[in-house]
Amino acid sequence: MFEKLRIKEHMEVSDAKGRHVGTVDEVKDEMIRLTKSDSMDGKHHVLPLADVDKIEENRVYLKEDAKIPIGLGNKASVGL
């Protein structure tokens, strides 16, 4: 288990295979808000903290079954 306080602004968010999904803008309540610059539509997207598997160094790894919004991940559609 991880502590959500360890998730900081500008940390990279990756899928379970280590592929870039986005960059943390902020953590609010039980959601991670990602920066607009990582999305194809120029909007903020959010991921639930429940989808986080682990935190290593300066990277947040999502669980294998995490639902990644379409348009994230090096500005490519990776919707799962």
C-alpha atoms as a PDB file:
ATOM      1  CA  MET A   1       0.000   0.000   0.000  1.00  0.00           C
ATOM      2  CA  PHE A   2       1.159   3.546  -0.639  1.00  0.00           C
ATOM      3  CA  GLU A   3       0.529   6.878   0.998  1.00  0.00           C
ATOM      4  CA  LYS A   4      -1.199   9.388  -1.248  1.00  0.00           C
ATOM      5  CA  LEU A   5       0.894  12.133   0.345  1.00  0.00           C
ATOM      6  CA  ARG A   6       3.884  10.675  -1.521  1.00  0.00           C
ATOM      7  CA  ILE A   7       2.321  11.639  -4.856  1.00  0.00           C
ATOM      8  CA  LYS A   8       3.594  15.090  -5.776  1.00  0.00           C
ATOM      9  CA  GLU A   9       3.145  17.600  -8.568  1.00  0.00           C
ATOM     10  CA  HIS A  10       5.198  16.840 -11.709  1.00  0.00           C
ATOM     11  CA  MET A  11       5.570  13.114 -10.952  1.00  0.00           C
ATOM     12  CA  GLU A  12       5.264  10.889 -13.995  1.00  0.00           C
ATOM     13  CA  VAL A  13       2.288   8.526 -14.178  1.00  0.00           C
ATOM     14  CA  SER A  14       2.857   5.249 -16.043  1.00  0.00           C
ATOM     15  CA  ASP A  15       0.722   2.263 -16.879  1.00  0.00           C
ATOM     16  CA  ALA A  16       1.555  -1.171 -15.444  1.00  0.00           C
ATOM     17  CA  LYS A  17       4.088  -1.747 -18.260  1.00  0.00           C
ATOM     18  CA  GLY A  18       5.943   1.498 -17.548  1.00  0.00           C
ATOM     19  CA  ARG A  19       4.566   3.467 -20.509  1.00  0.00           C
ATOM     20  CA  HIS A  20       3.989   7.184 -19.943  1.00  0.00           C
ATOM     21  CA  VAL A  21       0.350   8.090 -19.278  1.00  0.00           C
ATOM     22  CA  GLY A  22       0.645  11.610 -17.912  1.00  0.00           C
ATOM     23  CA  THR A  23       2.107  13.982 -15.357  1.00  0.00           C
ATOM     24  CA  VAL A  24       0.604  14.788 -11.970  1.00  0.00           C
ATOM     25  CA  ASP A  25      -0.866  18.268 -11.716  1.00  0.00           C
ATOM     26  CA  GLU A  26      -2.362  17.746  -8.255  1.00  0.00           C
ATOM     27  CA  VAL A  27      -3.924  15.209  -5.909  1.00  0.00           C
ATOM     28  CA  LYS A  28      -7.309  16.201  -4.588  1.00  0.00           C
ATOM     29  CA  ASP A  29      -9.583  14.042  -2.494  1.00  0.00           C
ATOM     30  CA  GLU A  30      -9.190  10.539  -3.956  1.00  0.00           C
ATOM     31  CA  MET A  31      -8.223  11.593  -7.489  1.00  0.00           C
ATOM     32  CA  ILE A  32      -5.014  12.376  -9.362  1.00  0.00           C
ATOM     33  CA  ARG A  33      -5.446  15.289 -11.748  1.00  0.00           C
ATOM     34  CA  LEU A  34      -3.103  15.132 -14.745  1.00  0.00           C
ATOM     35  CA  THR A  35      -1.637  18.084 -16.614  1.00  0.00           C
ATOM     36  CA  LYS A  36      -3.379  19.320 -19.749  1.00  0.00           C
ATOM     37  CA  SER A  37      -0.156  19.136 -21.729  1.00  0.00           C
ATOM     38  CA  ASP A  38      -0.289  15.320 -21.699  1.00  0.00           C
ATOM     39  CA  SER A  39      -3.728  15.077 -23.308  1.00  0.00           C
ATOM     40  CA  MET A  40      -4.761  15.251 -26.931  1.00  0.00           C
ATOM     41  CA  ASP A  41      -7.815  17.358 -26.125  1.00  0.00           C
ATOM     42  CA  GLY A  42      -5.938  19.905 -23.992  1.00  0.00           C
ATOM     43  CA  LYS A  43      -8.088  19.151 -20.943  1.00  0.00           C
ATOM     44  CA  HIS A  44      -7.283  17.898 -17.473  1.00  0.00           C
ATOM     45  CA  HIS A  45      -8.060  14.224 -16.918  1.00  0.00           C
ATOM     46  CA  VAL A  46      -8.315  12.459 -13.590  1.00  0.00           C
ATOM     47  CA  LEU A  47      -7.462   9.005 -12.339  1.00  0.00           C
ATOM     48  CA  PRO A  48      -8.742   7.490  -9.102  1.00  0.00           C
ATOM     49  CA  LEU A  49      -6.147   6.796  -6.419  1.00  0.00           C
ATOM     50  CA  ALA A  50      -7.611   3.291  -6.285  1.00  0.00           C
ATOM     51  CA  ASP A  51      -5.958   2.651  -9.690  1.00  0.00           C
ATOM     52  CA  VAL A  52      -2.451   3.248  -8.298  1.00  0.00           C
ATOM     53  CA  ASP A  53      -0.413   0.084  -7.856  1.00  0.00           C
ATOM     54  CA  LYS A  54       2.850   1.514  -6.510  1.00  0.00           C
ATOM     55  CA  ILE A  55       5.128   4.520  -6.318  1.00  0.00           C
ATOM     56  CA  GLU A  56       8.806   4.128  -7.142  1.00  0.00           C
ATOM     57  CA  GLU A  57      11.224   7.026  -7.090  1.00  0.00           C
ATOM     58  CA  ASN A  58       9.501   9.833  -9.032  1.00  0.00           C
ATOM     59  CA  ARG A  59       6.946   7.661 -10.838  1.00  0.00           C
ATOM     60  CA  VAL A  60       3.415   6.510 -10.100  1.00  0.00           C
ATOM     61  CA  TYR A  61       2.535   3.106 -11.572  1.00  0.00           C
ATOM     62  CA  LEU A  62      -1.063   2.217 -12.307  1.00  0.00           C
ATOM     63  CA  LYS A  63      -2.625  -1.201 -11.840  1.00  0.00           C
ATOM     64  CA  GLU A  64      -2.905  -3.543 -14.805  1.00  0.00           C
ATOM     65  CA  ASP A  65      -6.685  -3.038 -14.996  1.00  0.00           C
ATOM     66  CA  ALA A  66      -6.645   0.769 -14.579  1.00  0.00           C
ATOM     67  CA  LYS A  67      -8.971   2.620 -16.959  1.00  0.00           C
ATOM     68  CA  ILE A  68      -6.829   5.184 -18.771  1.00  0.00           C
ATOM     69  CA  PRO A  69      -8.781   7.977 -20.470  1.00  0.00           C
ATOM     70  CA  ILE A  70      -8.470   7.992 -24.259  1.00  0.00           C
ATOM     71  CA  GLY A  71      -6.023  10.620 -25.466  1.00  0.00           C
ATOM     72  CA  LEU A  72      -3.420  10.188 -22.726  1.00  0.00           C
ATOM     73  CA  GLY A  73       0.001   8.619 -22.991  1.00  0.00           C
ATOM     74  CA  ASN A  74       2.443  10.610 -25.095  1.00  0.00           C
ATOM     75  CA  LYS A  75      -0.624  12.203 -26.681  1.00  0.00           C
ATOM     76  CA  ALA A  76      -1.719   8.871 -28.170  1.00  0.00           C
ATOM     77  CA  SER A  77      -4.985   7.024 -27.731  1.00  0.00           C
ATOM     78  CA  VAL A  78      -4.333   4.258 -25.230  1.00  0.00           C
ATOM     79  CA  GLY A  79      -7.851   3.793 -23.889  1.00  0.00           C
ATOM     80  CA  LEU A  80      -8.146   0.478 -22.129  1.00  0.00           C
END
